[in-house]
Amino acid sequence: MNNEMKKFEVGRVYQMRAIGDHNCVWQYTVTARTASTVKLFDGKQTISRRIVRAASAWRNAETVYPLGQYSMAPTLSADKVA
């Protein structure tokens, strides 16, 4: 059994869904990364987001909040490859 945390990979496309609407899907391509941040491209703009340690540990996969951190905010996780 492999317990190593999944990490975002440069060049890969990841997706997330809205909590209230399963048909609402966002896709992001990882364009760069450091140990604590990732740069994401959504087809229009590039944003930089910090990897959230608590959420990443809980999921066992790196996790970020591309749209900001708020109640019911969708999360982008390294285990959700498009």
PDB file of N, CA and C in Angstrom:
ATOM      1  N   MET A   1       0.840  -1.179   0.000  1.00  0.00           N
ATOM      2  CA  MET A   1       0.000   0.000   0.000  1.00  0.00           C
ATOM      3  C   MET A   1       0.886   1.245   0.000  1.00  0.00           C
ATOM      4  N   ASN A   2       0.612   2.173  -0.915  1.00  0.00           N
ATOM      5  CA  ASN A   2       1.412   3.384  -1.052  1.00  0.00           C
ATOM      6  C   ASN A   2       0.724   4.532  -0.316  1.00  0.00           C
ATOM      7  N   ASN A   3       1.365   5.058   0.725  1.00  0.00           N
ATOM      8  CA  ASN A   3       0.790   6.153   1.502  1.00  0.00           C
ATOM      9  C   ASN A   3       1.367   7.506   1.131  1.00  0.00           C
ATOM     10  N   GLU A   4       2.109   7.586   0.051  1.00  0.00           N
ATOM     11  CA  GLU A   4       2.719   8.848  -0.356  1.00  0.00           C
ATOM     12  C   GLU A   4       1.650   9.806  -0.878  1.00  0.00           C
ATOM     13  N   MET A   5       1.722  11.062  -0.437  1.00  0.00           N
ATOM     14  CA  MET A   5       0.750  12.072  -0.847  1.00  0.00           C
ATOM     15  C   MET A   5       0.871  12.344  -2.341  1.00  0.00           C
ATOM     16  N   LYS A   6      -0.274  12.409  -3.033  1.00  0.00           N
ATOM     17  CA  LYS A   6      -0.276  12.766  -4.451  1.00  0.00           C
ATOM     18  C   LYS A   6       0.045  14.240  -4.587  1.00  0.00           C
ATOM     19  N   LYS A   7       0.861  14.570  -5.569  1.00  0.00           N
ATOM     20  CA  LYS A   7       1.302  15.949  -5.765  1.00  0.00           C
ATOM     21  C   LYS A   7       0.880  16.448  -7.137  1.00  0.00           C
ATOM     22  N   PHE A   8       0.651  17.762  -7.220  1.00  0.00           N
ATOM     23  CA  PHE A   8       0.352  18.379  -8.510  1.00  0.00           C
ATOM     24  C   PHE A   8       1.575  18.257  -9.409  1.00  0.00           C
ATOM     25  N   GLU A   9       1.337  17.970 -10.689  1.00  0.00           N
ATOM     26  CA  GLU A   9       2.414  17.840 -11.661  1.00  0.00           C
ATOM     27  C   GLU A   9       2.269  18.915 -12.737  1.00  0.00           C
ATOM     28  N   VAL A  10       3.369  19.568 -13.067  1.00  0.00           N
ATOM     29  CA  VAL A  10       3.372  20.595 -14.106  1.00  0.00           C
ATOM     30  C   VAL A  10       2.945  19.962 -15.432  1.00  0.00           C
ATOM     31  N   GLY A  11       2.024  20.642 -16.126  1.00  0.00           N
ATOM     32  CA  GLY A  11       1.546  20.165 -17.416  1.00  0.00           C
ATOM     33  C   GLY A  11       0.282  19.330 -17.351  1.00  0.00           C
ATOM     34  N   ARG A  12      -0.092  18.854 -16.198  1.00  0.00           N
ATOM     35  CA  ARG A  12      -1.301  18.041 -16.062  1.00  0.00           C
ATOM     36  C   ARG A  12      -2.516  18.921 -15.840  1.00  0.00           C
ATOM     37  N   VAL A  13      -3.680  18.411 -16.252  1.00  0.00           N
ATOM     38  CA  VAL A  13      -4.950  19.111 -16.100  1.00  0.00           C
ATOM     39  C   VAL A  13      -5.732  18.450 -14.974  1.00  0.00           C
ATOM     40  N   TYR A  14      -6.246  19.271 -14.065  1.00  0.00           N
ATOM     41  CA  TYR A  14      -7.032  18.802 -12.917  1.00  0.00           C
ATOM     42  C   TYR A  14      -8.396  19.469 -12.965  1.00  0.00           C
ATOM     43  N   GLN A  15      -9.383  18.837 -12.359  1.00  0.00           N
ATOM     44  CA  GLN A  15     -10.722  19.413 -12.372  1.00  0.00           C
ATOM     45  C   GLN A  15     -11.361  19.362 -10.992  1.00  0.00           C
ATOM     46  N   MET A  16     -12.347  20.253 -10.813  1.00  0.00           N
ATOM     47  CA  MET A  16     -13.128  20.282  -9.585  1.00  0.00           C
ATOM     48  C   MET A  16     -14.566  20.584  -9.956  1.00  0.00           C
ATOM     49  N   ARG A  17     -15.483  20.193  -9.082  1.00  0.00           N
ATOM     50  CA  ARG A  17     -16.910  20.409  -9.317  1.00  0.00           C
ATOM     51  C   ARG A  17     -17.484  21.314  -8.241  1.00  0.00           C
ATOM     52  N   ALA A  18     -18.530  22.036  -8.600  1.00  0.00           N
ATOM     53  CA  ALA A  18     -19.234  22.877  -7.633  1.00  0.00           C
ATOM     54  C   ALA A  18     -19.973  21.974  -6.647  1.00  0.00           C
ATOM     55  N   ILE A  19     -20.011  22.377  -5.404  1.00  0.00           N
ATOM     56  CA  ILE A  19     -20.679  21.583  -4.380  1.00  0.00           C
ATOM     57  C   ILE A  19     -22.179  21.498  -4.642  1.00  0.00           C
ATOM     58  N   GLY A  20     -22.798  22.586  -5.072  1.00  0.00           N
ATOM     59  CA  GLY A  20     -24.246  22.606  -5.267  1.00  0.00           C
ATOM     60  C   GLY A  20     -24.714  22.219  -6.655  1.00  0.00           C
ATOM     61  N   ASP A  21     -23.804  22.063  -7.618  1.00  0.00           N
ATOM     62  CA  ASP A  21     -24.181  21.751  -8.995  1.00  0.00           C
ATOM     63  C   ASP A  21     -23.126  20.829  -9.605  1.00  0.00           C
ATOM     64  N   HIS A  22     -23.433  19.541  -9.642  1.00  0.00           N
ATOM     65  CA  HIS A  22     -22.479  18.535 -10.126  1.00  0.00           C
ATOM     66  C   HIS A  22     -22.088  18.761 -11.590  1.00  0.00           C
ATOM     67  N   ASN A  23     -22.928  19.466 -12.345  1.00  0.00           N
ATOM     68  CA  ASN A  23     -22.636  19.726 -13.754  1.00  0.00           C
ATOM     69  C   ASN A  23     -21.687  20.905 -13.954  1.00  0.00           C
ATOM     70  N   CYS A  24     -21.426  21.662 -12.920  1.00  0.00           N
ATOM     71  CA  CYS A  24     -20.519  22.811 -12.999  1.00  0.00           C
ATOM     72  C   CYS A  24     -19.098  22.328 -12.698  1.00  0.00           C
ATOM     73  N   VAL A  25     -18.268  22.300 -13.743  1.00  0.00           N
ATOM     74  CA  VAL A  25     -16.912  21.756 -13.625  1.00  0.00           C
ATOM     75  C   VAL A  25     -15.903  22.807 -14.074  1.00  0.00           C
ATOM     76  N   TRP A  26     -14.844  22.981 -13.293  1.00  0.00           N
ATOM     77  CA  TRP A  26     -13.734  23.858 -13.656  1.00  0.00           C
ATOM     78  C   TRP A  26     -12.517  22.990 -13.931  1.00  0.00           C
ATOM     79  N   GLN A  27     -11.712  23.369 -14.921  1.00  0.00           N
ATOM     80  CA  GLN A  27     -10.472  22.664 -15.214  1.00  0.00           C
ATOM     81  C   GLN A  27      -9.313  23.646 -15.179  1.00  0.00           C
ATOM     82  N   TYR A  28      -8.201  23.182 -14.623  1.00  0.00           N
ATOM     83  CA  TYR A  28      -6.994  23.998 -14.505  1.00  0.00           C
ATOM     84  C   TYR A  28      -5.787  23.177 -14.926  1.00  0.00           C
ATOM     85  N   THR A  29      -4.862  23.822 -15.624  1.00  0.00           N
ATOM     86  CA  THR A  29      -3.593  23.213 -15.972  1.00  0.00           C
ATOM     87  C   THR A  29      -2.536  23.790 -15.036  1.00  0.00           C
ATOM     88  N   VAL A  30      -1.732  22.929 -14.435  1.00  0.00           N
ATOM     89  CA  VAL A  30      -0.639  23.379 -13.574  1.00  0.00           C
ATOM     90  C   VAL A  30       0.505  23.806 -14.482  1.00  0.00           C
ATOM     91  N   THR A  31       0.884  25.089 -14.389  1.00  0.00           N
ATOM     92  CA  THR A  31       1.943  25.613 -15.251  1.00  0.00           C
ATOM     93  C   THR A  31       3.284  25.714 -14.538  1.00  0.00           C
ATOM     94  N   ALA A  32       3.261  25.763 -13.209  1.00  0.00           N
ATOM     95  CA  ALA A  32       4.497  25.825 -12.417  1.00  0.00           C
ATOM     96  C   ALA A  32       4.147  25.465 -10.981  1.00  0.00           C
ATOM     97  N   ARG A  33       5.175  25.113 -10.222  1.00  0.00           N
ATOM     98  CA  ARG A  33       4.947  24.796  -8.818  1.00  0.00           C
ATOM     99  C   ARG A  33       6.213  24.969  -8.005  1.00  0.00           C
ATOM    100  N   THR A  34       6.020  25.178  -6.716  1.00  0.00           N
ATOM    101  CA  THR A  34       7.104  25.137  -5.736  1.00  0.00           C
ATOM    102  C   THR A  34       6.651  24.137  -4.683  1.00  0.00           C
ATOM    103  N   ALA A  35       7.374  24.054  -3.593  1.00  0.00           N
ATOM    104  CA  ALA A  35       6.976  23.134  -2.526  1.00  0.00           C
ATOM    105  C   ALA A  35       5.675  23.562  -1.854  1.00  0.00           C
ATOM    106  N   SER A  36       5.350  24.869  -1.910  1.00  0.00           N
ATOM    107  CA  SER A  36       4.166  25.340  -1.190  1.00  0.00           C
ATOM    108  C   SER A  36       3.117  26.044  -2.052  1.00  0.00           C
ATOM    109  N   THR A  37       3.388  26.245  -3.350  1.00  0.00           N
ATOM    110  CA  THR A  37       2.419  26.919  -4.218  1.00  0.00           C
ATOM    111  C   THR A  37       2.333  26.241  -5.576  1.00  0.00           C
ATOM    112  N   VAL A  38       1.217  26.495  -6.269  1.00  0.00           N
ATOM    113  CA  VAL A  38       1.065  26.055  -7.660  1.00  0.00           C
ATOM    114  C   VAL A  38       0.541  27.228  -8.476  1.00  0.00           C
ATOM    115  N   LYS A  39       0.913  27.289  -9.744  1.00  0.00           N
ATOM    116  CA  LYS A  39       0.353  28.254 -10.678  1.00  0.00           C
ATOM    117  C   LYS A  39      -0.599  27.484 -11.579  1.00  0.00           C
ATOM    118  N   LEU A  40      -1.815  28.024 -11.705  1.00  0.00           N
ATOM    119  CA  LEU A  40      -2.884  27.354 -12.433  1.00  0.00           C
ATOM    120  C   LEU A  40      -3.355  28.228 -13.590  1.00  0.00           C
ATOM    121  N   PHE A  41      -3.601  27.601 -14.741  1.00  0.00           N
ATOM    122  CA  PHE A  41      -4.119  28.302 -15.910  1.00  0.00           C
ATOM    123  C   PHE A  41      -5.480  27.720 -16.251  1.00  0.00           C
ATOM    124  N   ASP A  42      -6.502  28.579 -16.349  1.00  0.00           N
ATOM    125  CA  ASP A  42      -7.867  28.113 -16.622  1.00  0.00           C
ATOM    126  C   ASP A  42      -8.298  28.326 -18.063  1.00  0.00           C
ATOM    127  N   GLY A  43      -7.367  28.719 -18.928  1.00  0.00           N
ATOM    128  CA  GLY A  43      -7.689  28.990 -20.317  1.00  0.00           C
ATOM    129  C   GLY A  43      -7.765  30.480 -20.606  1.00  0.00           C
ATOM    130  N   LYS A  44      -7.891  31.289 -19.544  1.00  0.00           N
ATOM    131  CA  LYS A  44      -7.966  32.739 -19.694  1.00  0.00           C
ATOM    132  C   LYS A  44      -6.891  33.461 -18.895  1.00  0.00           C
ATOM    133  N   GLN A  45      -6.666  33.010 -17.684  1.00  0.00           N
ATOM    134  CA  GLN A  45      -5.697  33.681 -16.815  1.00  0.00           C
ATOM    135  C   GLN A  45      -4.926  32.667 -15.980  1.00  0.00           C
ATOM    136  N   THR A  46      -3.772  33.108 -15.491  1.00  0.00           N
ATOM    137  CA  THR A  46      -2.949  32.292 -14.609  1.00  0.00           C
ATOM    138  C   THR A  46      -3.053  32.862 -13.203  1.00  0.00           C
ATOM    139  N   ILE A  47      -3.278  31.978 -12.239  1.00  0.00           N
ATOM    140  CA  ILE A  47      -3.345  32.374 -10.835  1.00  0.00           C
ATOM    141  C   ILE A  47      -2.368  31.542 -10.031  1.00  0.00           C
ATOM    142  N   SER A  48      -1.919  32.081  -8.930  1.00  0.00           N
ATOM    143  CA  SER A  48      -1.027  31.359  -8.028  1.00  0.00           C
ATOM    144  C   SER A  48      -1.777  31.108  -6.731  1.00  0.00           C
ATOM    145  N   ARG A  49      -1.726  29.864  -6.244  1.00  0.00           N
ATOM    146  CA  ARG A  49      -2.416  29.513  -5.005  1.00  0.00           C
ATOM    147  C   ARG A  49      -1.496  28.705  -4.101  1.00  0.00           C
ATOM    148  N   ARG A  50      -1.644  28.951  -2.810  1.00  0.00           N
ATOM    149  CA  ARG A  50      -0.874  28.225  -1.800  1.00  0.00           C
ATOM    150  C   ARG A  50      -1.530  26.863  -1.552  1.00  0.00           C
ATOM    151  N   ILE A  51      -0.707  25.834  -1.433  1.00  0.00           N
ATOM    152  CA  ILE A  51      -1.196  24.495  -1.105  1.00  0.00           C
ATOM    153  C   ILE A  51      -1.624  24.497   0.360  1.00  0.00           C
ATOM    154  N   VAL A  52      -2.835  24.031   0.615  1.00  0.00           N
ATOM    155  CA  VAL A  52      -3.410  24.034   1.967  1.00  0.00           C
ATOM    156  C   VAL A  52      -3.005  22.736   2.668  1.00  0.00           C
ATOM    157  N   ARG A  53      -2.153  22.852   3.666  1.00  0.00           N
ATOM    158  CA  ARG A  53      -1.598  21.668   4.323  1.00  0.00           C
ATOM    159  C   ARG A  53      -2.649  20.801   5.010  1.00  0.00           C
ATOM    160  N   ALA A  54      -3.570  21.418   5.749  1.00  0.00           N
ATOM    161  CA  ALA A  54      -4.571  20.636   6.489  1.00  0.00           C
ATOM    162  C   ALA A  54      -5.467  19.851   5.541  1.00  0.00           C
ATOM    163  N   ALA A  55      -5.966  20.506   4.500  1.00  0.00           N
ATOM    164  CA  ALA A  55      -6.826  19.820   3.529  1.00  0.00           C
ATOM    165  C   ALA A  55      -6.041  18.758   2.765  1.00  0.00           C
ATOM    166  N   SER A  56      -4.795  19.039   2.450  1.00  0.00           N
ATOM    167  CA  SER A  56      -3.954  18.078   1.732  1.00  0.00           C
ATOM    168  C   SER A  56      -3.704  16.834   2.567  1.00  0.00           C
ATOM    169  N   ALA A  57      -3.430  17.013   3.855  1.00  0.00           N
ATOM    170  CA  ALA A  57      -3.188  15.871   4.746  1.00  0.00           C
ATOM    171  C   ALA A  57      -4.442  15.016   4.880  1.00  0.00           C
ATOM    172  N   TRP A  58      -5.594  15.667   4.975  1.00  0.00           N
ATOM    173  CA  TRP A  58      -6.859  14.942   5.130  1.00  0.00           C
ATOM    174  C   TRP A  58      -7.166  14.107   3.884  1.00  0.00           C
ATOM    175  N   ARG A  59      -6.889  14.649   2.689  1.00  0.00           N
ATOM    176  CA  ARG A  59      -7.176  13.957   1.430  1.00  0.00           C
ATOM    177  C   ARG A  59      -6.039  13.045   0.978  1.00  0.00           C
ATOM    178  N   ASN A  60      -4.861  13.225   1.561  1.00  0.00           N
ATOM    179  CA  ASN A  60      -3.633  12.554   1.127  1.00  0.00           C
ATOM    180  C   ASN A  60      -3.300  12.934  -0.324  1.00  0.00           C
ATOM    181  N   ALA A  61      -3.643  14.175  -0.670  1.00  0.00           N
ATOM    182  CA  ALA A  61      -3.356  14.730  -1.991  1.00  0.00           C
ATOM    183  C   ALA A  61      -3.276  16.249  -1.843  1.00  0.00           C
ATOM    184  N   GLU A  62      -2.301  16.864  -2.502  1.00  0.00           N
ATOM    185  CA  GLU A  62      -2.189  18.322  -2.424  1.00  0.00           C
ATOM    186  C   GLU A  62      -3.513  18.958  -2.845  1.00  0.00           C
ATOM    187  N   THR A  63      -3.896  20.022  -2.119  1.00  0.00           N
ATOM    188  CA  THR A  63      -5.191  20.657  -2.329  1.00  0.00           C
ATOM    189  C   THR A  63      -5.044  22.178  -2.291  1.00  0.00           C
ATOM    190  N   VAL A  64      -5.761  22.867  -3.195  1.00  0.00           N
ATOM    191  CA  VAL A  64      -5.765  24.328  -3.225  1.00  0.00           C
ATOM    192  C   VAL A  64      -7.203  24.820  -3.406  1.00  0.00           C
ATOM    193  N   TYR A  65      -7.403  26.118  -3.143  1.00  0.00           N
ATOM    194  CA  TYR A  65      -8.689  26.784  -3.345  1.00  0.00           C
ATOM    195  C   TYR A  65      -8.533  27.795  -4.483  1.00  0.00           C
ATOM    196  N   PRO A  66      -8.758  27.398  -5.739  1.00  0.00           N
ATOM    197  CA  PRO A  66      -8.545  28.318  -6.860  1.00  0.00           C
ATOM    198  C   PRO A  66      -9.464  29.544  -6.845  1.00  0.00           C
ATOM    199  N   LEU A  67     -10.672  29.418  -6.322  1.00  0.00           N
ATOM    200  CA  LEU A  67     -11.637  30.519  -6.339  1.00  0.00           C
ATOM    201  C   LEU A  67     -11.663  31.282  -5.025  1.00  0.00           C
ATOM    202  N   GLY A  68     -10.757  30.958  -4.132  1.00  0.00           N
ATOM    203  CA  GLY A  68     -10.715  31.590  -2.821  1.00  0.00           C
ATOM    204  C   GLY A  68     -11.267  30.653  -1.758  1.00  0.00           C
ATOM    205  N   GLN A  69     -10.931  30.942  -0.509  1.00  0.00           N
ATOM    206  CA  GLN A  69     -11.371  30.091   0.591  1.00  0.00           C
ATOM    207  C   GLN A  69     -12.560  30.748   1.289  1.00  0.00           C
ATOM    208  N   TYR A  70     -13.712  30.093   1.193  1.00  0.00           N
ATOM    209  CA  TYR A  70     -14.950  30.586   1.794  1.00  0.00           C
ATOM    210  C   TYR A  70     -15.858  29.391   2.049  1.00  0.00           C
ATOM    211  N   SER A  71     -16.974  29.626   2.693  1.00  0.00           N
ATOM    212  CA  SER A  71     -17.913  28.551   2.973  1.00  0.00           C
ATOM    213  C   SER A  71     -18.326  27.859   1.673  1.00  0.00           C
ATOM    214  N   MET A  72     -18.200  26.564   1.629  1.00  0.00           N
ATOM    215  CA  MET A  72     -18.555  25.726   0.479  1.00  0.00           C
ATOM    216  C   MET A  72     -17.706  25.997  -0.769  1.00  0.00           C
ATOM    217  N   ALA A  73     -16.507  26.523  -0.583  1.00  0.00           N
ATOM    218  CA  ALA A  73     -15.602  26.769  -1.711  1.00  0.00           C
ATOM    219  C   ALA A  73     -15.186  25.439  -2.331  1.00  0.00           C
ATOM    220  N   PRO A  74     -15.174  25.354  -3.662  1.00  0.00           N
ATOM    221  CA  PRO A  74     -14.691  24.141  -4.311  1.00  0.00           C
ATOM    222  C   PRO A  74     -13.178  24.011  -4.135  1.00  0.00           C
ATOM    223  N   THR A  75     -12.695  22.789  -4.042  1.00  0.00           N
ATOM    224  CA  THR A  75     -11.272  22.541  -3.880  1.00  0.00           C
ATOM    225  C   THR A  75     -10.729  21.781  -5.075  1.00  0.00           C
ATOM    226  N   LEU A  76      -9.524  22.141  -5.470  1.00  0.00           N
ATOM    227  CA  LEU A  76      -8.813  21.443  -6.532  1.00  0.00           C
ATOM    228  C   LEU A  76      -7.777  20.560  -5.868  1.00  0.00           C
ATOM    229  N   SER A  77      -7.842  19.278  -6.177  1.00  0.00           N
ATOM    230  CA  SER A  77      -6.978  18.310  -5.513  1.00  0.00           C
ATOM    231  C   SER A  77      -6.168  17.528  -6.535  1.00  0.00           C
ATOM    232  N   ALA A  78      -4.967  17.146  -6.164  1.00  0.00           N
ATOM    233  CA  ALA A  78      -4.060  16.432  -7.071  1.00  0.00           C
ATOM    234  C   ALA A  78      -4.570  15.044  -7.428  1.00  0.00           C
ATOM    235  N   ASP A  79      -5.583  14.542  -6.747  1.00  0.00           N
ATOM    236  CA  ASP A  79      -6.126  13.229  -7.098  1.00  0.00           C
ATOM    237  C   ASP A  79      -7.310  13.319  -8.060  1.00  0.00           C
ATOM    238  N   LYS A  80      -7.588  14.521  -8.574  1.00  0.00           N
ATOM    239  CA  LYS A  80      -8.711  14.719  -9.510  1.00  0.00           C
ATOM    240  C   LYS A  80      -8.184  15.112 -10.890  1.00  0.00           C
ATOM    241  N   VAL A  81      -7.470  14.204 -11.532  1.00  0.00           N
ATOM    242  CA  VAL A  81      -6.919  14.455 -12.867  1.00  0.00           C
ATOM    243  C   VAL A  81      -8.053  14.410 -13.881  1.00  0.00           C
ATOM    244  N   ALA A  82      -8.087  15.394 -14.777  1.00  0.00           N
ATOM    245  CA  ALA A  82      -9.160  15.465 -15.799  1.00  0.00           C
ATOM    246  C   ALA A  82      -8.962  14.392 -16.853  1.00  0.00           C
TER     247      ALA A  82
END
